[in-house]
Amino acid sequence: MAEKLVRFIKARLDEEADLAGRCDGDGCGEWSAHGHTVDFCQVDLSGFHSTIALHVALHDPARVLREIDSKRRILARHARDPWPSHDLRDLASPYADHPDFPAWA
């Protein structure tokens, strides 16, 4: 069971890394919020509530890729843990709404 969950988590991390890489554009991986506007380095998008703007900016591609790298290191350390592995289940839990999420996880 652990092997299937590891494959599931790796696939989700790969998807997120691919998407973050495509959002980076011309190497502009740091986004910032200014009141109701999010600066994506190429264009400013306005009309956000300031809290939402901060949340969006927090998920800039560079930060997302750093987070994915850290999750991959954690996954590598625990990939062979005996089942049930609480760390693997914790890494998988954000994807509970994914259609491929294993029901037994």
C-alpha atoms as a PDB file:
ATOM      1  CA  MET A   1       0.000   0.000   0.000  1.00  0.00           C
ATOM      2  CA  ALA A   2       2.806   2.404   0.802  1.00  0.00           C
ATOM      3  CA  GLU A   3       4.251   2.034  -2.722  1.00  0.00           C
ATOM      4  CA  LYS A   4       0.931   2.992  -4.309  1.00  0.00           C
ATOM      5  CA  LEU A   5       0.606   5.998  -2.037  1.00  0.00           C
ATOM      6  CA  VAL A   6       4.192   7.076  -2.827  1.00  0.00           C
ATOM      7  CA  ARG A   7       3.426   6.882  -6.571  1.00  0.00           C
ATOM      8  CA  PHE A   8       0.247   8.896  -6.016  1.00  0.00           C
ATOM      9  CA  ILE A   9       2.092  11.612  -4.068  1.00  0.00           C
ATOM     10  CA  LYS A  10       4.948  11.757  -6.608  1.00  0.00           C
ATOM     11  CA  ALA A  11       2.440  12.205  -9.437  1.00  0.00           C
ATOM     12  CA  ARG A  12       0.731  15.100  -7.628  1.00  0.00           C
ATOM     13  CA  LEU A  13       4.075  16.784  -6.875  1.00  0.00           C
ATOM     14  CA  ASP A  14       5.116  16.380 -10.511  1.00  0.00           C
ATOM     15  CA  GLU A  15       1.846  18.008 -11.629  1.00  0.00           C
ATOM     16  CA  GLU A  16       2.321  20.915  -9.245  1.00  0.00           C
ATOM     17  CA  ALA A  17       5.967  21.402 -10.251  1.00  0.00           C
ATOM     18  CA  ASP A  18       5.013  21.410 -13.923  1.00  0.00           C
ATOM     19  CA  LEU A  19       2.287  23.977 -13.348  1.00  0.00           C
ATOM     20  CA  ALA A  20       4.522  26.202 -11.189  1.00  0.00           C
ATOM     21  CA  GLY A  21       7.248  25.999 -13.826  1.00  0.00           C
ATOM     22  CA  ARG A  22       4.824  27.093 -16.530  1.00  0.00           C
ATOM     23  CA  CYS A  23       3.601  30.022 -14.389  1.00  0.00           C
ATOM     24  CA  ASP A  24       7.114  31.360 -13.932  1.00  0.00           C
ATOM     25  CA  GLY A  25       7.139  32.947 -17.379  1.00  0.00           C
ATOM     26  CA  ASP A  26      10.387  34.795 -18.046  1.00  0.00           C
ATOM     27  CA  GLY A  27      12.080  33.753 -14.839  1.00  0.00           C
ATOM     28  CA  CYS A  28       9.848  35.944 -12.721  1.00  0.00           C
ATOM     29  CA  GLY A  29       9.136  33.586  -9.864  1.00  0.00           C
ATOM     30  CA  GLU A  30       8.441  36.068  -7.072  1.00  0.00           C
ATOM     31  CA  TRP A  31       4.995  37.542  -6.822  1.00  0.00           C
ATOM     32  CA  SER A  32       4.007  40.291  -4.423  1.00  0.00           C
ATOM     33  CA  ALA A  33       0.813  41.817  -3.125  1.00  0.00           C
ATOM     34  CA  HIS A  34       0.156  45.540  -2.930  1.00  0.00           C
ATOM     35  CA  GLY A  35      -3.212  46.182  -1.313  1.00  0.00           C
ATOM     36  CA  HIS A  36      -5.803  44.861  -3.745  1.00  0.00           C
ATOM     37  CA  THR A  37      -3.253  44.112  -6.490  1.00  0.00           C
ATOM     38  CA  VAL A  38      -0.983  41.114  -7.118  1.00  0.00           C
ATOM     39  CA  ASP A  39       2.212  41.873  -9.043  1.00  0.00           C
ATOM     40  CA  PHE A  40       3.078  38.933 -11.296  1.00  0.00           C
ATOM     41  CA  CYS A  41       6.197  40.757 -12.568  1.00  0.00           C
ATOM     42  CA  GLN A  42       4.694  40.888 -16.038  1.00  0.00           C
ATOM     43  CA  VAL A  43       1.332  42.404 -15.196  1.00  0.00           C
ATOM     44  CA  ASP A  44      -0.506  43.721 -12.159  1.00  0.00           C
ATOM     45  CA  LEU A  45      -3.873  42.142 -11.481  1.00  0.00           C
ATOM     46  CA  SER A  46      -6.166  44.253  -9.358  1.00  0.00           C
ATOM     47  CA  GLY A  47      -9.579  43.768  -7.825  1.00  0.00           C
ATOM     48  CA  PHE A  48      -8.589  41.218  -5.180  1.00  0.00           C
ATOM     49  CA  HIS A  49      -9.493  41.625  -1.545  1.00  0.00           C
ATOM     50  CA  SER A  50      -6.159  42.438   0.108  1.00  0.00           C
ATOM     51  CA  THR A  51      -6.167  39.137   2.042  1.00  0.00           C
ATOM     52  CA  ILE A  52      -6.712  37.182  -1.177  1.00  0.00           C
ATOM     53  CA  ALA A  53      -3.965  39.170  -2.891  1.00  0.00           C
ATOM     54  CA  LEU A  54      -1.543  38.209  -0.096  1.00  0.00           C
ATOM     55  CA  HIS A  55      -2.627  34.558  -0.356  1.00  0.00           C
ATOM     56  CA  VAL A  56      -2.095  34.501  -4.130  1.00  0.00           C
ATOM     57  CA  ALA A  57       1.300  36.172  -3.816  1.00  0.00           C
ATOM     58  CA  LEU A  58       2.313  33.621  -1.178  1.00  0.00           C
ATOM     59  CA  HIS A  59       1.941  30.894  -3.812  1.00  0.00           C
ATOM     60  CA  ASP A  60       4.412  32.291  -6.315  1.00  0.00           C
ATOM     61  CA  PRO A  61       6.106  29.674  -8.510  1.00  0.00           C
ATOM     62  CA  ALA A  62       9.503  29.926  -6.811  1.00  0.00           C
ATOM     63  CA  ARG A  63       8.013  29.262  -3.375  1.00  0.00           C
ATOM     64  CA  VAL A  64       5.831  26.422  -4.666  1.00  0.00           C
ATOM     65  CA  LEU A  65       8.876  24.757  -6.234  1.00  0.00           C
ATOM     66  CA  ARG A  66      10.827  25.063  -2.960  1.00  0.00           C
ATOM     67  CA  GLU A  67       7.916  23.490  -1.094  1.00  0.00           C
ATOM     68  CA  ILE A  68       7.701  20.652  -3.617  1.00  0.00           C
ATOM     69  CA  ASP A  69      11.435  19.994  -3.227  1.00  0.00           C
ATOM     70  CA  SER A  70      11.060  19.767   0.547  1.00  0.00           C
ATOM     71  CA  LYS A  71       8.086  17.386   0.217  1.00  0.00           C
ATOM     72  CA  ARG A  72      10.095  15.206  -2.173  1.00  0.00           C
ATOM     73  CA  ARG A  73      12.909  14.980   0.398  1.00  0.00           C
ATOM     74  CA  ILE A  74      10.413  13.998   3.097  1.00  0.00           C
ATOM     75  CA  LEU A  75       8.864  11.467   0.724  1.00  0.00           C
ATOM     76  CA  ALA A  76      12.276   9.964  -0.048  1.00  0.00           C
ATOM     77  CA  ARG A  77      13.020   9.564   3.677  1.00  0.00           C
ATOM     78  CA  HIS A  78       9.725   7.800   4.339  1.00  0.00           C
ATOM     79  CA  ALA A  79       9.011   5.962   1.070  1.00  0.00           C
ATOM     80  CA  ARG A  80       9.947   2.598   2.598  1.00  0.00           C
ATOM     81  CA  ASP A  81       8.290   3.086   5.980  1.00  0.00           C
ATOM     82  CA  PRO A  82       6.069   0.226   7.114  1.00  0.00           C
ATOM     83  CA  TRP A  83       2.372   0.751   6.575  1.00  0.00           C
ATOM     84  CA  PRO A  84       0.597   2.665   7.905  1.00  0.00           C
ATOM     85  CA  SER A  85       3.065   5.507   7.603  1.00  0.00           C
ATOM     86  CA  HIS A  86       1.674   8.625   9.227  1.00  0.00           C
ATOM     87  CA  ASP A  87       4.115  10.860   7.330  1.00  0.00           C
ATOM     88  CA  LEU A  88       3.069   9.436   3.951  1.00  0.00           C
ATOM     89  CA  ARG A  89      -0.574   9.808   4.866  1.00  0.00           C
ATOM     90  CA  ASP A  90       0.061  13.407   5.931  1.00  0.00           C
ATOM     91  CA  LEU A  91       1.818  14.160   2.626  1.00  0.00           C
ATOM     92  CA  ALA A  92      -1.138  12.654   0.737  1.00  0.00           C
ATOM     93  CA  SER A  93      -3.904  14.337   2.754  1.00  0.00           C
ATOM     94  CA  PRO A  94      -3.987  17.658   0.815  1.00  0.00           C
ATOM     95  CA  TYR A  95      -4.970  15.634  -2.265  1.00  0.00           C
ATOM     96  CA  ALA A  96      -7.969  13.913  -0.643  1.00  0.00           C
ATOM     97  CA  ASP A  97     -10.295  15.528  -3.199  1.00  0.00           C
ATOM     98  CA  HIS A  98      -8.249  14.255  -6.173  1.00  0.00           C
ATOM     99  CA  PRO A  99     -10.109  11.600  -8.206  1.00  0.00           C
ATOM    100  CA  ASP A 100      -7.162   9.179  -7.940  1.00  0.00           C
ATOM    101  CA  PHE A 101      -6.846   9.505  -4.169  1.00  0.00           C
ATOM    102  CA  PRO A 102      -6.778   5.995  -2.711  1.00  0.00           C
ATOM    103  CA  ALA A 103      -9.817   5.438  -0.486  1.00  0.00           C
ATOM    104  CA  TRP A 104      -7.756   3.346   1.950  1.00  0.00           C
ATOM    105  CA  ALA A 105      -5.260   6.162   2.526  1.00  0.00           C
END
